[in-house]
């Protein structure tokens, strides 16, 4: 079986998940090609396991202080290029498409009548799970941005729904439990994140953020740098 695996590239979580699942598929003798969208090619890193992969502009969401701005998203969106990429993506050599909230592969599969499996955190919100501040438009976007024949939602709790836990790589895990909490909120304002964490002064946090230039400790928060190389001028940021 030959599979095209489309990955929303602006969120590092999507990439990390596809790396693990892609390796598992290949270990079972399946042939997997990858398509990434949402980030310039030179913005990807640690991509050796994906082999020769395609990169497209795609579609993602503009955010402001951690919240999606649909107006800014519409202003920056290149619908013409998106439609062109969907139309030109030839799936005739593939038996199956997998999409991790990646719109080009998903819509191409829909238009070419290819079976598509959607695997993402976003798909968990297609079920009856607790949410806060989710609008009618939010639900429409989650449902239609990357449509799939079959959907698999991933979440930290199942909420009595057919939802799977997160897919993570445990093959090389030398870490020990020091009771610290890892924080990865690269699209939030770094000062807002710190202010929130400092309120819980009995708990140690290790916070990764692209605005951190070096390791620094302030109170109960240890700040470390993480890569977030999406160009602000030509690409939009997306919550992963």
Protein backbone atom coordinates (compact mmCIF):
# COMPACT_ATOMS: atom_id res chain seq x y z
CA UNK A 1 0.00 0.00 0.00
CA UNK A 2 1.22 3.50 -0.88
CA UNK A 3 0.19 6.40 1.36
CA UNK A 4 0.43 10.18 1.03
CA UNK A 5 0.72 11.72 4.49
CA UNK A 6 -0.16 15.43 4.63
CA UNK A 7 1.11 17.36 7.66
CA UNK A 8 0.25 20.85 8.89
CA UNK A 9 3.81 22.17 9.11
CA UNK A 10 3.33 25.35 11.11
CA UNK A 11 2.82 23.41 14.34
CA UNK A 12 5.78 21.42 15.62
CA UNK A 13 3.33 19.08 17.35
CA UNK A 14 1.92 17.97 14.01
CA UNK A 15 5.42 17.21 12.73
CA UNK A 16 6.47 15.29 15.85
CA UNK A 17 3.33 13.16 15.69
CA UNK A 18 3.72 12.39 11.98
CA UNK A 19 7.36 11.39 12.53
CA UNK A 20 6.30 8.71 15.02
CA UNK A 21 3.29 7.46 13.06
CA UNK A 22 5.16 7.54 9.76
CA UNK A 23 7.92 5.36 11.19
CA UNK A 24 5.35 2.88 12.51
CA UNK A 25 3.68 2.63 9.11
CA UNK A 26 6.99 2.04 7.34
CA UNK A 27 7.96 -0.66 9.87
CA UNK A 28 4.83 -2.51 8.77
CA UNK A 29 5.94 -2.50 5.15
CA UNK A 30 3.84 0.43 3.92
CA UNK A 31 5.25 3.02 1.52
CA UNK A 32 4.73 6.56 2.83
CA UNK A 33 5.37 9.89 1.10
CA UNK A 34 5.02 13.17 3.02
CA UNK A 35 3.61 16.57 2.11
CA UNK A 36 4.10 19.52 4.47
CA UNK A 37 2.41 22.90 4.20
CA UNK A 38 2.40 26.14 6.18
CA UNK A 39 6.12 26.82 6.52
CA UNK A 40 8.95 27.76 4.16
CA UNK A 41 11.17 24.81 3.26
CA UNK A 42 14.23 26.21 5.06
CA UNK A 43 12.18 26.58 8.25
CA UNK A 44 11.94 22.83 8.85
CA UNK A 45 14.49 21.01 10.98
CA UNK A 46 15.23 17.40 12.03
CA UNK A 47 13.44 16.13 8.93
CA UNK A 48 15.78 13.27 7.98
CA UNK A 49 13.27 10.54 8.79
CA UNK A 50 10.79 11.90 6.21
CA UNK A 51 13.07 11.29 3.25
CA UNK A 52 12.17 13.25 0.10
CA UNK A 53 9.08 15.29 0.98
CA UNK A 54 6.95 17.92 -0.73
CA UNK A 55 6.49 21.43 0.67
CA UNK A 56 3.52 23.68 -0.15
CA UNK A 57 2.38 27.03 1.19
CA UNK A 58 -0.95 25.69 2.42
CA UNK A 59 -3.28 27.51 4.79
CA UNK A 60 -3.01 28.36 8.46
CA UNK A 61 -4.40 30.88 10.92
CA UNK A 62 -3.14 34.30 11.93
CA UNK A 63 -3.12 34.66 15.71
CA UNK A 64 -2.91 37.50 18.19
CA UNK A 65 -1.93 36.80 21.80
CA UNK A 66 -2.85 33.15 21.42
CA UNK A 67 -6.24 33.72 19.77
CA UNK A 68 -7.16 33.12 16.14
CA UNK A 69 -7.91 36.27 14.15
CA UNK A 70 -10.11 35.33 11.20
CA UNK A 71 -9.86 38.84 9.74
CA UNK A 72 -6.04 38.75 9.65
CA UNK A 73 -6.22 35.20 8.35
CA UNK A 74 -8.40 36.29 5.41
CA UNK A 75 -6.14 39.26 4.65
CA UNK A 76 -3.00 37.10 4.50
CA UNK A 77 -4.58 34.07 2.84
CA UNK A 78 -3.54 33.14 -0.70
CA UNK A 79 -6.66 31.32 -1.88
CA UNK A 80 -5.47 31.21 -5.48
CA UNK A 81 -2.28 29.34 -4.61
CA UNK A 82 -4.17 27.01 -2.30
CA UNK A 83 -6.69 26.08 -5.00
CA UNK A 84 -3.88 25.61 -7.52
CA UNK A 85 -1.95 23.28 -5.20
CA UNK A 86 -5.08 21.23 -4.47
CA UNK A 87 -5.94 20.92 -8.16
CA UNK A 88 -2.39 19.98 -9.21
CA UNK A 89 -1.79 17.36 -6.50
CA UNK A 90 -2.02 14.02 -8.32
CA UNK A 91 -3.14 11.16 -6.06
CA UNK A 92 -3.51 8.53 -8.77
CA UNK A 93 -0.51 6.54 -7.49
CA UNK A 94 -1.72 6.48 -3.88
CA UNK A 95 -4.05 3.98 -2.21
CA UNK A 96 -4.71 6.13 0.86
CA UNK A 97 -4.27 9.69 2.13
CA UNK A 98 -3.61 10.57 5.76
CA UNK A 99 -3.95 14.19 6.84
CA UNK A 100 -2.88 15.79 10.10
CA UNK A 101 -5.00 18.93 9.69
CA UNK A 102 -3.30 19.56 6.32
CA UNK A 103 -5.77 21.04 3.79
CA UNK A 104 -4.10 20.38 0.42
CA UNK A 105 -3.87 16.61 0.75
CA UNK A 106 -7.32 16.42 2.38
CA UNK A 107 -9.16 18.45 -0.26
CA UNK A 108 -7.30 16.76 -3.12
CA UNK A 109 -8.43 13.40 -1.72
CA UNK A 110 -12.01 14.63 -1.46
CA UNK A 111 -12.05 15.90 -5.05
CA UNK A 112 -10.37 12.76 -6.42
CA UNK A 113 -12.53 10.34 -4.37
CA UNK A 114 -9.59 8.92 -2.44
CA UNK A 115 -10.08 7.48 1.03
CA UNK A 116 -8.64 9.95 3.54
CA UNK A 117 -8.00 9.40 7.24
CA UNK A 118 -7.72 12.51 9.38
CA UNK A 119 -5.57 12.16 12.50
CA UNK A 120 -5.21 15.27 14.65
CA UNK A 121 -5.89 16.94 17.96
CA UNK A 122 -8.39 19.18 16.17
CA UNK A 123 -10.52 16.15 15.26
CA UNK A 124 -11.16 15.54 18.95
CA UNK A 125 -13.36 18.64 18.93
CA UNK A 126 -15.72 17.01 16.46
CA UNK A 127 -16.95 15.04 19.47
CA UNK A 128 -18.75 16.12 22.63
CA UNK A 129 -15.76 17.29 24.68
CA UNK A 130 -15.48 20.22 27.12
CA UNK A 131 -14.65 23.49 25.38
CA UNK A 132 -14.60 27.17 26.27
CA UNK A 133 -15.24 30.04 23.91
CA UNK A 134 -15.65 27.86 20.81
CA UNK A 135 -17.88 29.60 18.28
CA UNK A 136 -20.02 28.26 15.45
CA UNK A 137 -17.36 29.49 13.01
CA UNK A 138 -14.61 27.71 14.94
CA UNK A 139 -16.48 24.41 14.63
CA UNK A 140 -17.04 24.94 10.90
CA UNK A 141 -13.33 25.59 10.35
CA UNK A 142 -12.28 22.51 12.35
CA UNK A 143 -14.71 20.35 10.36
CA UNK A 144 -13.96 21.71 6.88
CA UNK A 145 -10.33 22.89 6.79
CA UNK A 146 -9.04 19.35 6.23
CA UNK A 147 -12.07 17.10 5.51
CA UNK A 148 -11.56 13.36 5.75
CA UNK A 149 -13.48 10.17 5.04
CA UNK A 150 -12.65 8.89 8.52
CA UNK A 151 -11.50 11.02 11.47
CA UNK A 152 -9.42 10.09 14.51
CA UNK A 153 -9.26 12.60 17.34
CA UNK A 154 -6.34 12.80 19.77
CA UNK A 155 -6.72 14.36 23.22
CA UNK A 156 -5.31 14.13 26.74
CA UNK A 157 -8.55 12.56 27.98
CA UNK A 158 -11.22 10.59 26.16
CA UNK A 159 -14.26 12.23 27.84
CA UNK A 160 -16.16 8.98 27.15
CA UNK A 161 -15.78 9.57 23.42
CA UNK A 162 -13.92 7.45 20.80
CA UNK A 163 -10.78 9.58 21.20
CA UNK A 164 -7.20 8.30 21.36
CA UNK A 165 -4.41 9.65 23.60
CA UNK A 166 -1.57 11.76 22.15
CA UNK A 167 0.99 10.03 19.91
CA UNK A 168 4.49 10.62 21.28
CA UNK A 169 7.93 9.13 20.74
CA UNK A 170 9.15 7.05 23.68
CA UNK A 171 11.87 5.15 21.80
CA UNK A 172 14.70 7.31 23.17
CA UNK A 173 13.52 8.75 26.43
CA UNK A 174 16.42 9.17 28.90
CA UNK A 175 14.51 11.63 31.08
CA UNK A 176 13.76 11.19 34.75
CA UNK A 177 10.79 12.60 36.63
CA UNK A 178 11.94 15.70 38.53
CA UNK A 179 8.33 16.81 39.10
CA UNK A 180 8.71 19.86 36.87
CA UNK A 181 6.00 20.75 34.34
CA UNK A 182 6.90 21.32 30.69
CA UNK A 183 5.28 24.37 29.10
CA UNK A 184 5.24 24.85 25.33
CA UNK A 185 3.09 27.82 24.29
CA UNK A 186 5.08 29.44 21.47
CA UNK A 187 2.17 31.46 20.10
CA UNK A 188 1.28 33.07 23.41
CA UNK A 189 2.93 36.24 24.70
CA UNK A 190 5.97 35.11 26.69
CA UNK A 191 5.41 37.64 29.48
CA UNK A 192 1.79 36.56 29.86
CA UNK A 193 2.90 32.92 30.17
CA UNK A 194 5.46 33.79 32.82
CA UNK A 195 3.00 35.90 34.81
CA UNK A 196 0.57 32.99 34.92
CA UNK A 197 3.18 30.41 35.95
CA UNK A 198 4.63 32.62 38.70
CA UNK A 199 1.26 32.48 40.44
CA UNK A 200 1.82 28.76 41.12
CA UNK A 201 5.02 29.33 43.08
CA UNK A 202 5.09 25.87 44.66
CA UNK A 203 5.40 24.20 41.26
CA UNK A 204 8.53 24.23 39.06
CA UNK A 205 7.97 24.94 35.34
CA UNK A 206 10.30 24.64 32.35
CA UNK A 207 8.96 26.96 29.66
CA UNK A 208 10.10 26.76 26.03
CA UNK A 209 9.46 29.82 23.87
CA UNK A 210 11.01 31.30 20.69
CA UNK A 211 11.50 34.67 22.45
CA UNK A 212 13.86 33.12 25.00
CA UNK A 213 17.42 33.73 23.80
CA UNK A 214 19.13 31.74 26.56
CA UNK A 215 18.41 29.70 29.67
CA UNK A 216 17.16 31.91 32.48
CA UNK A 217 15.45 31.22 35.81
CA UNK A 218 12.95 33.63 37.31
CA UNK A 219 11.25 32.42 40.42
CA UNK A 220 9.78 28.96 39.84
CA UNK A 221 10.06 29.25 36.03
CA UNK A 222 13.05 28.10 33.99
CA UNK A 223 13.01 29.66 30.52
CA UNK A 224 14.55 27.90 27.52
CA UNK A 225 14.65 28.65 23.81
CA UNK A 226 12.72 26.65 21.23
CA UNK A 227 12.83 26.98 17.45
CA UNK A 228 9.86 28.61 15.74
CA UNK A 229 11.09 29.55 12.32
CA UNK A 230 7.88 30.41 10.48
CA UNK A 231 8.42 33.74 8.71
CA UNK A 232 6.06 36.37 10.10
CA UNK A 233 6.19 38.32 6.86
CA UNK A 234 5.08 35.58 4.48
CA UNK A 235 3.43 32.88 6.57
CA UNK A 236 0.76 32.82 9.22
CA UNK A 237 1.08 31.27 12.62
CA UNK A 238 -1.09 28.36 13.64
CA UNK A 239 -1.93 26.76 16.95
CA UNK A 240 -0.52 23.23 16.80
